[in-house]
C-alpha atoms as a PDB file:
ATOM      1  CA  UNK A   1       2.850  16.752  -5.720  1.00  0.00           C
ATOM      2  CA  UNK A   2       2.100  14.036  -2.942  1.00  0.00           C
ATOM      3  CA  UNK A   3       3.515  14.161   0.459  1.00  0.00           C
ATOM      4  CA  UNK A   4       6.047  11.804   1.737  1.00  0.00           C
ATOM      5  CA  UNK A   5       4.950  10.043   4.539  1.00  0.00           C
ATOM      6  CA  UNK A   6       6.730  10.494   7.924  1.00  0.00           C
ATOM      7  CA  UNK A   7       6.424   8.090  11.258  1.00  0.00           C
ATOM      8  CA  UNK A   8       7.294   9.993  14.691  1.00  0.00           C
ATOM      9  CA  UNK A   9       7.482   7.738  17.496  1.00  0.00           C
ATOM     10  CA  UNK A  10       7.015   9.010  20.917  1.00  0.00           C
ATOM     11  CA  UNK A  11       3.988  11.609  19.211  1.00  0.00           C
ATOM     12  CA  UNK A  12       2.670  11.820  22.838  1.00  0.00           C
ATOM     13  CA  UNK A  13       5.557  13.457  24.480  1.00  0.00           C
ATOM     14  CA  UNK A  14       7.036  16.965  23.926  1.00  0.00           C
ATOM     15  CA  UNK A  15       9.751  16.399  21.356  1.00  0.00           C
ATOM     16  CA  UNK A  16       7.516  14.172  18.897  1.00  0.00           C
ATOM     17  CA  UNK A  17       4.189  16.387  19.954  1.00  0.00           C
ATOM     18  CA  UNK A  18       5.683  19.165  18.520  1.00  0.00           C
ATOM     19  CA  UNK A  19       7.466  17.991  15.694  1.00  0.00           C
ATOM     20  CA  UNK A  20       4.145  16.524  14.403  1.00  0.00           C
ATOM     21  CA  UNK A  21       2.578  19.592  14.708  1.00  0.00           C
ATOM     22  CA  UNK A  22       5.420  21.663  12.831  1.00  0.00           C
ATOM     23  CA  UNK A  23       6.007  19.480   9.898  1.00  0.00           C
ATOM     24  CA  UNK A  24       2.373  18.628   9.334  1.00  0.00           C
ATOM     25  CA  UNK A  25       1.890  20.950   6.494  1.00  0.00           C
ATOM     26  CA  UNK A  26       5.215  19.806   4.685  1.00  0.00           C
ATOM     27  CA  UNK A  27       4.801  15.759   5.406  1.00  0.00           C
ATOM     28  CA  UNK A  28       2.101  13.403   5.640  1.00  0.00           C
ATOM     29  CA  UNK A  29       2.593  12.616   9.200  1.00  0.00           C
ATOM     30  CA  UNK A  30       1.681   9.185  11.208  1.00  0.00           C
ATOM     31  CA  UNK A  31       2.197   9.700  14.998  1.00  0.00           C
ATOM     32  CA  UNK A  32       2.915   6.450  16.653  1.00  0.00           C
ATOM     33  CA  UNK A  33       1.784   6.744  20.260  1.00  0.00           C
ATOM     34  CA  UNK A  34       1.723   3.321  22.939  1.00  0.00           C
ATOM     35  CA  UNK A  35      -0.123   4.166  25.594  1.00  0.00           C
ATOM     36  CA  UNK A  36      -1.078   8.123  25.576  1.00  0.00           C
ATOM     37  CA  UNK A  37      -3.687   8.515  22.375  1.00  0.00           C
ATOM     38  CA  UNK A  38      -3.790  11.667  21.343  1.00  0.00           C
ATOM     39  CA  UNK A  39      -5.413  13.824  18.573  1.00  0.00           C
ATOM     40  CA  UNK A  40      -4.033  16.001  15.991  1.00  0.00           C
ATOM     41  CA  UNK A  41      -5.871  17.923  13.470  1.00  0.00           C
ATOM     42  CA  UNK A  42      -4.210  16.946   9.974  1.00  0.00           C
ATOM     43  CA  UNK A  43      -2.317  13.725  11.857  1.00  0.00           C
ATOM     44  CA  UNK A  44      -3.276  10.065  11.175  1.00  0.00           C
ATOM     45  CA  UNK A  45      -2.463   8.307  14.703  1.00  0.00           C
ATOM     46  CA  UNK A  46      -1.355   4.832  15.483  1.00  0.00           C
ATOM     47  CA  UNK A  47      -0.958   2.945  18.289  1.00  0.00           C
ATOM     48  CA  UNK A  48       1.947   0.328  18.631  1.00  0.00           C
ATOM     49  CA  UNK A  49       4.355  -1.018  21.062  1.00  0.00           C
ATOM     50  CA  UNK A  50       7.464  -0.885  19.869  1.00  0.00           C
ATOM     51  CA  UNK A  51       9.232  -3.483  21.892  1.00  0.00           C
ATOM     52  CA  UNK A  52       7.127  -5.983  19.906  1.00  0.00           C
ATOM     53  CA  UNK A  53       8.626  -7.030  16.524  1.00  0.00           C
ATOM     54  CA  UNK A  54       5.057  -7.692  15.190  1.00  0.00           C
ATOM     55  CA  UNK A  55       4.030  -3.854  15.853  1.00  0.00           C
ATOM     56  CA  UNK A  56       6.405  -2.335  14.615  1.00  0.00           C
ATOM     57  CA  UNK A  57       6.351  -4.844  11.185  1.00  0.00           C
ATOM     58  CA  UNK A  58       2.652  -3.837  11.109  1.00  0.00           C
ATOM     59  CA  UNK A  59       3.718  -0.159  11.160  1.00  0.00           C
ATOM     60  CA  UNK A  60       6.254  -0.092   8.705  1.00  0.00           C
ATOM     61  CA  UNK A  61       4.316  -2.512   6.195  1.00  0.00           C
ATOM     62  CA  UNK A  62       0.610  -0.526   6.622  1.00  0.00           C
ATOM     63  CA  UNK A  63       2.275   3.206   6.086  1.00  0.00           C
ATOM     64  CA  UNK A  64       6.009   2.551   4.246  1.00  0.00           C
ATOM     65  CA  UNK A  65       6.993   5.817   5.361  1.00  0.00           C
ATOM     66  CA  UNK A  66       9.871   7.340   3.512  1.00  0.00           C
ATOM     67  CA  UNK A  67      11.101   8.916   6.965  1.00  0.00           C
ATOM     68  CA  UNK A  68      11.086   7.997  10.596  1.00  0.00           C
ATOM     69  CA  UNK A  69      11.817  10.285  13.403  1.00  0.00           C
ATOM     70  CA  UNK A  70      12.219   8.339  16.758  1.00  0.00           C
ATOM     71  CA  UNK A  71      11.515  10.304  19.404  1.00  0.00           C
ATOM     72  CA  UNK A  72       9.850   7.361  21.594  1.00  0.00           C
ATOM     73  CA  UNK A  73      12.274   6.949  24.990  1.00  0.00           C
ATOM     74  CA  UNK A  74      12.116   6.583  28.668  1.00  0.00           C
ATOM     75  CA  UNK A  75      13.476   9.530  29.678  1.00  0.00           C
ATOM     76  CA  UNK A  76      12.758   9.759  33.260  1.00  0.00           C
ATOM     77  CA  UNK A  77      16.099   9.070  35.071  1.00  0.00           C
ATOM     78  CA  UNK A  78      14.672   7.874  38.233  1.00  0.00           C
ATOM     79  CA  UNK A  79      12.205   4.888  36.598  1.00  0.00           C
ATOM     80  CA  UNK A  80      15.292   4.224  34.328  1.00  0.00           C
ATOM     81  CA  UNK A  81      17.372   3.483  37.822  1.00  0.00           C
ATOM     82  CA  UNK A  82      13.869   1.733  39.266  1.00  0.00           C
ATOM     83  CA  UNK A  83      13.211  -0.424  36.026  1.00  0.00           C
ATOM     84  CA  UNK A  84      16.667  -0.566  34.093  1.00  0.00           C
ATOM     85  CA  UNK A  85      15.144  -3.860  32.211  1.00  0.00           C
ATOM     86  CA  UNK A  86      11.781  -2.158  31.186  1.00  0.00           C
ATOM     87  CA  UNK A  87      14.149   1.120  30.297  1.00  0.00           C
ATOM     88  CA  UNK A  88      16.250  -1.123  28.381  1.00  0.00           C
ATOM     89  CA  UNK A  89      13.231  -2.603  26.355  1.00  0.00           C
ATOM     90  CA  UNK A  90      11.997   0.765  25.508  1.00  0.00           C
ATOM     91  CA  UNK A  91      15.229   2.579  24.780  1.00  0.00           C
ATOM     92  CA  UNK A  92      17.240  -0.428  22.987  1.00  0.00           C
ATOM     93  CA  UNK A  93      14.913  -2.976  21.820  1.00  0.00           C
ATOM     94  CA  UNK A  94      12.401  -0.792  20.368  1.00  0.00           C
ATOM     95  CA  UNK A  95      15.184   0.861  18.541  1.00  0.00           C
ATOM     96  CA  UNK A  96      16.655  -2.212  17.215  1.00  0.00           C
ATOM     97  CA  UNK A  97      12.640  -3.402  16.132  1.00  0.00           C
ATOM     98  CA  UNK A  98      12.836  -0.158  13.697  1.00  0.00           C
ATOM     99  CA  UNK A  99      16.234  -0.334  12.319  1.00  0.00           C
ATOM    100  CA  UNK A 100      15.567  -4.412  11.746  1.00  0.00           C
ATOM    101  CA  UNK A 101      12.115  -3.762  10.240  1.00  0.00           C
ATOM    102  CA  UNK A 102      13.408  -1.163   7.837  1.00  0.00           C
ATOM    103  CA  UNK A 103      15.637  -3.786   6.345  1.00  0.00           C
ATOM    104  CA  UNK A 104      15.479  -3.490   2.952  1.00  0.00           C
ATOM    105  CA  UNK A 105      13.717  -0.050   2.998  1.00  0.00           C
ATOM    106  CA  UNK A 106      14.811   3.379   1.595  1.00  0.00           C
ATOM    107  CA  UNK A 107      13.331   5.282   4.491  1.00  0.00           C
ATOM    108  CA  UNK A 108      15.536   7.094   6.283  1.00  0.00           C
ATOM    109  CA  UNK A 109      15.908   6.854  10.419  1.00  0.00           C
ATOM    110  CA  UNK A 110      16.676  10.197  12.041  1.00  0.00           C
ATOM    111  CA  UNK A 111      17.252   8.842  15.800  1.00  0.00           C
ATOM    112  CA  UNK A 112      16.962  11.317  18.952  1.00  0.00           C
ATOM    113  CA  UNK A 113      19.672  10.765  21.386  1.00  0.00           C
ATOM    114  CA  UNK A 114      19.152  11.978  24.759  1.00  0.00           C
ATOM    115  CA  UNK A 115      22.462  12.665  26.693  1.00  0.00           C
ATOM    116  CA  UNK A 116      23.025  11.865  30.150  1.00  0.00           C
ATOM    117  CA  UNK A 117      20.775   8.439  29.936  1.00  0.00           C
END
């Protein structure tokens, strides 16, 4: 039986990395990173800028995931306060691009909300 494809954004962060590692035996994992490439045995990696609609479209088209766990975010409150537009682009526009590019797909999106932001 073929494993379902799961795309995990923010795989270079603590949550995304641990989810990928823990779920790699149950799913065909594609880890999405932006600036911090890494390697995890048994996991395919893809670099993408989630604020780019074209990058997100390419990800969805290329991997056709059944499940997406969206862990990518700017979580450092000080950086969010110092660079509010960049934080909004990462935290809002990136999420909107994922949702928009799933239009018509049966993929399930799991959105990780971090309180306090």
